[in-house]
Amino acid sequence: MSAQKPFHETLDFTLVGKMGRVHRLCREAVTLTVEPLGLTQSRWLALMHINLIGEGVTQLALSQSLGIEMPSLTRTLKQLEEQSLISRQVDNSDKRSKKLYFTQDGRVVLNSLNEKIADVKQQFYAGLTHEQLDVMARALLQIEQNASDCISLQETRRASKLEEGTNDA
């Protein structure tokens, strides 16, 4: 007699693959919702991350938070600056670095953006209880930590193999 597969093993994609698909769909839904604000996906993501990290964040810190390369971010920030939503100011302690701040118009757009995202999140979470969402949030945090640990382990193994190769020479 064979044991029944756990539900997560019956998905069309792996569980992590399904998370990626859901993430892309949610980002697309937000992008369509905020389109009337004149924001593309890269722009609304940058605004949300500046707000999350806090004004005065450096461009480098923002690129690391978003997980994107500096040239892509610089292009997006230039567009946000042209829309008068942010300003870039030279960091007084490091003249090579620029810090990011919302303009008055940027704060207005950010408030609208937050309202629209709150509405969309309610649609995403429809039919789920707070308990279900909490369980899912904890599981996602654990998967994130496990993935980070896996990356660290692989990097350590790679470095060890490279070191062994130089010692053999």
Protein backbone atom coordinates (compact mmCIF):
# COMPACT_ATOMS: atom_id res chain seq x y z
CA MET A 1 0.00 0.00 0.00
CA SER A 2 1.51 3.34 -1.01
CA ALA A 3 1.32 6.37 1.22
CA GLN A 4 -0.55 9.37 -0.11
CA LYS A 5 1.70 12.21 -1.25
CA PRO A 6 1.64 15.38 0.83
CA PHE A 7 -0.38 18.11 -0.88
CA HIS A 8 2.66 20.30 -1.58
CA GLU A 9 4.18 17.42 -3.59
CA THR A 10 1.10 17.32 -5.88
CA LEU A 11 1.53 20.89 -7.19
CA ASP A 12 2.27 21.37 -10.89
CA PHE A 13 5.52 23.07 -9.94
CA THR A 14 7.65 22.55 -6.88
CA LEU A 15 6.51 24.51 -3.85
CA VAL A 16 9.32 27.02 -4.38
CA GLY A 17 8.43 27.24 -8.09
CA LYS A 18 4.83 27.96 -7.15
CA MET A 19 6.00 30.69 -4.75
CA GLY A 20 7.90 32.32 -7.62
CA ARG A 21 4.86 32.14 -9.87
CA VAL A 22 2.60 33.66 -7.19
CA HIS A 23 5.17 36.39 -6.56
CA ARG A 24 5.25 37.33 -10.26
CA LEU A 25 1.43 37.36 -10.46
CA CYS A 26 1.15 39.56 -7.36
CA ARG A 27 3.76 42.01 -8.69
CA GLU A 28 1.89 42.18 -11.99
CA ALA A 29 -1.42 42.81 -10.17
CA VAL A 30 0.15 45.65 -8.18
CA THR A 31 1.75 47.10 -11.32
CA LEU A 32 -1.61 47.18 -13.11
CA THR A 33 -3.28 48.69 -10.04
CA VAL A 34 -0.74 51.52 -9.67
CA GLU A 35 -0.41 52.23 -13.39
CA PRO A 36 -2.72 55.30 -13.12
CA LEU A 37 -0.08 56.83 -10.81
CA GLY A 38 2.39 56.75 -13.71
CA LEU A 39 4.52 54.06 -12.06
CA THR A 40 6.16 51.09 -13.70
CA GLN A 41 7.09 48.02 -11.69
CA SER A 42 10.67 49.17 -11.20
CA ARG A 43 9.53 52.60 -10.07
CA TRP A 44 6.93 51.53 -7.54
CA LEU A 45 9.32 48.91 -6.15
CA ALA A 46 12.03 51.55 -5.71
CA LEU A 47 9.60 53.93 -3.98
CA MET A 48 8.38 51.19 -1.65
CA HIS A 49 11.93 50.18 -0.74
CA ILE A 50 13.01 53.77 -0.10
CA ASN A 51 10.01 54.08 2.20
CA LEU A 52 10.76 50.74 3.88
CA ILE A 53 14.45 51.43 4.47
CA GLY A 54 13.92 55.12 5.18
CA GLU A 55 14.67 58.39 3.49
CA GLY A 56 18.35 59.19 3.29
CA VAL A 57 19.14 55.67 2.12
CA THR A 58 22.08 55.52 -0.28
CA GLN A 59 21.66 54.34 -3.84
CA LEU A 60 24.01 51.43 -3.05
CA ALA A 61 21.95 50.30 -0.06
CA LEU A 62 18.79 50.54 -2.15
CA SER A 63 20.30 48.46 -4.96
CA GLN A 64 21.31 45.81 -2.44
CA SER A 65 17.82 45.83 -0.89
CA LEU A 66 16.20 45.44 -4.30
CA GLY A 67 18.76 42.86 -5.44
CA ILE A 68 19.49 44.72 -8.69
CA GLU A 69 22.59 46.12 -10.35
CA MET A 70 23.42 49.79 -9.92
CA PRO A 71 23.00 50.76 -13.64
CA SER A 72 19.40 49.49 -13.66
CA LEU A 73 18.63 51.29 -10.42
CA THR A 74 20.29 54.51 -11.61
CA ARG A 75 18.03 54.52 -14.68
CA THR A 76 14.94 54.03 -12.49
CA LEU A 77 16.01 56.74 -10.03
CA LYS A 78 16.60 59.16 -12.89
CA GLN A 79 13.04 58.51 -14.09
CA LEU A 80 11.66 59.05 -10.57
CA GLU A 81 13.65 62.27 -10.34
CA GLU A 82 12.27 63.42 -13.72
CA GLN A 83 8.76 62.75 -12.36
CA SER A 84 9.71 64.96 -9.37
CA LEU A 85 9.02 62.10 -6.94
CA ILE A 86 12.49 61.85 -5.41
CA SER A 87 15.63 63.91 -5.09
CA ARG A 88 19.17 62.59 -5.00
CA GLN A 89 21.54 64.50 -2.74
CA VAL A 90 25.27 64.08 -2.31
CA ASP A 91 26.15 62.41 1.00
CA ASN A 92 28.10 64.94 3.10
CA SER A 93 30.20 62.19 4.69
CA ASP A 94 31.00 60.47 1.35
CA LYS A 95 30.91 62.73 -1.70
CA ARG A 96 30.86 59.70 -4.04
CA SER A 97 27.56 58.54 -2.59
CA LYS A 98 24.04 59.91 -3.12
CA LYS A 99 21.17 59.73 -0.66
CA LEU A 100 17.53 59.51 -1.67
CA TYR A 101 14.65 61.62 -0.41
CA PHE A 102 10.99 61.99 -1.34
CA THR A 103 9.82 65.29 -2.77
CA GLN A 104 6.46 66.74 -1.72
CA ASP A 105 4.91 65.23 -4.87
CA GLY A 106 6.67 61.97 -4.07
CA ARG A 107 5.03 61.81 -0.63
CA VAL A 108 1.60 62.33 -2.22
CA VAL A 109 2.24 59.54 -4.75
CA LEU A 110 3.67 57.30 -1.99
CA ASN A 111 0.47 57.74 0.05
CA SER A 112 -1.65 56.80 -2.97
CA LEU A 113 0.67 53.89 -3.71
CA ASN A 114 0.35 52.58 -0.15
CA GLU A 115 -3.46 52.85 -0.32
CA LYS A 116 -3.64 50.98 -3.62
CA ILE A 117 -1.27 48.25 -2.39
CA ALA A 118 -3.31 47.86 0.81
CA ASP A 119 -6.45 47.35 -1.31
CA VAL A 120 -4.72 44.81 -3.54
CA LYS A 121 -3.33 42.92 -0.51
CA GLN A 122 -6.89 42.50 0.78
CA GLN A 123 -7.78 40.91 -2.54
CA PHE A 124 -4.71 38.64 -2.37
CA TYR A 125 -5.56 37.50 1.16
CA ALA A 126 -9.29 36.95 0.53
CA GLY A 127 -10.49 33.67 2.01
CA LEU A 128 -7.47 33.27 4.29
CA THR A 129 -7.58 33.64 8.06
CA HIS A 130 -5.01 35.56 10.08
CA GLU A 131 -3.84 32.22 11.45
CA GLN A 132 -3.27 30.80 7.95
CA LEU A 133 -1.38 33.92 6.91
CA ASP A 134 0.76 33.75 10.07
CA VAL A 135 1.63 30.09 9.43
CA MET A 136 2.51 30.92 5.85
CA ALA A 137 4.61 33.93 6.90
CA ARG A 138 6.57 31.82 9.39
CA ALA A 139 7.09 29.08 6.82
CA LEU A 140 8.35 31.60 4.24
CA LEU A 141 10.79 33.07 6.76
CA GLN A 142 12.10 29.57 7.51
CA ILE A 143 12.46 28.72 3.81
CA GLU A 144 14.29 32.02 3.29
CA GLN A 145 16.69 31.23 6.14
CA ASN A 146 17.22 27.69 4.85
CA ALA A 147 17.96 29.01 1.34
CA SER A 148 20.42 31.54 2.76
CA ASP A 149 22.12 28.80 4.79
CA CYS A 150 22.29 26.61 1.67
CA ILE A 151 23.97 29.41 -0.29
CA SER A 152 26.49 29.98 2.50
CA LEU A 153 27.29 26.28 2.65
CA GLN A 154 27.78 26.08 -1.13
CA GLU A 155 30.01 29.17 -1.13
CA THR A 156 32.09 27.70 1.70
CA ARG A 157 32.45 24.43 -0.21
CA ARG A 158 33.43 26.27 -3.39
CA ALA A 159 36.04 28.34 -1.54
CA SER A 160 37.40 25.20 0.10
CA LYS A 161 37.74 23.43 -3.26
CA LEU A 162 39.50 26.46 -4.76
CA GLU A 163 41.85 26.57 -1.80
CA GLU A 164 42.60 22.84 -2.14
CA GLY A 165 43.38 23.39 -5.84
CA THR A 166 45.92 26.12 -5.05
CA ASN A 167 47.53 24.02 -2.32
CA ASP A 168 48.03 21.11 -4.73
CA ALA A 169 49.99 23.24 -7.20
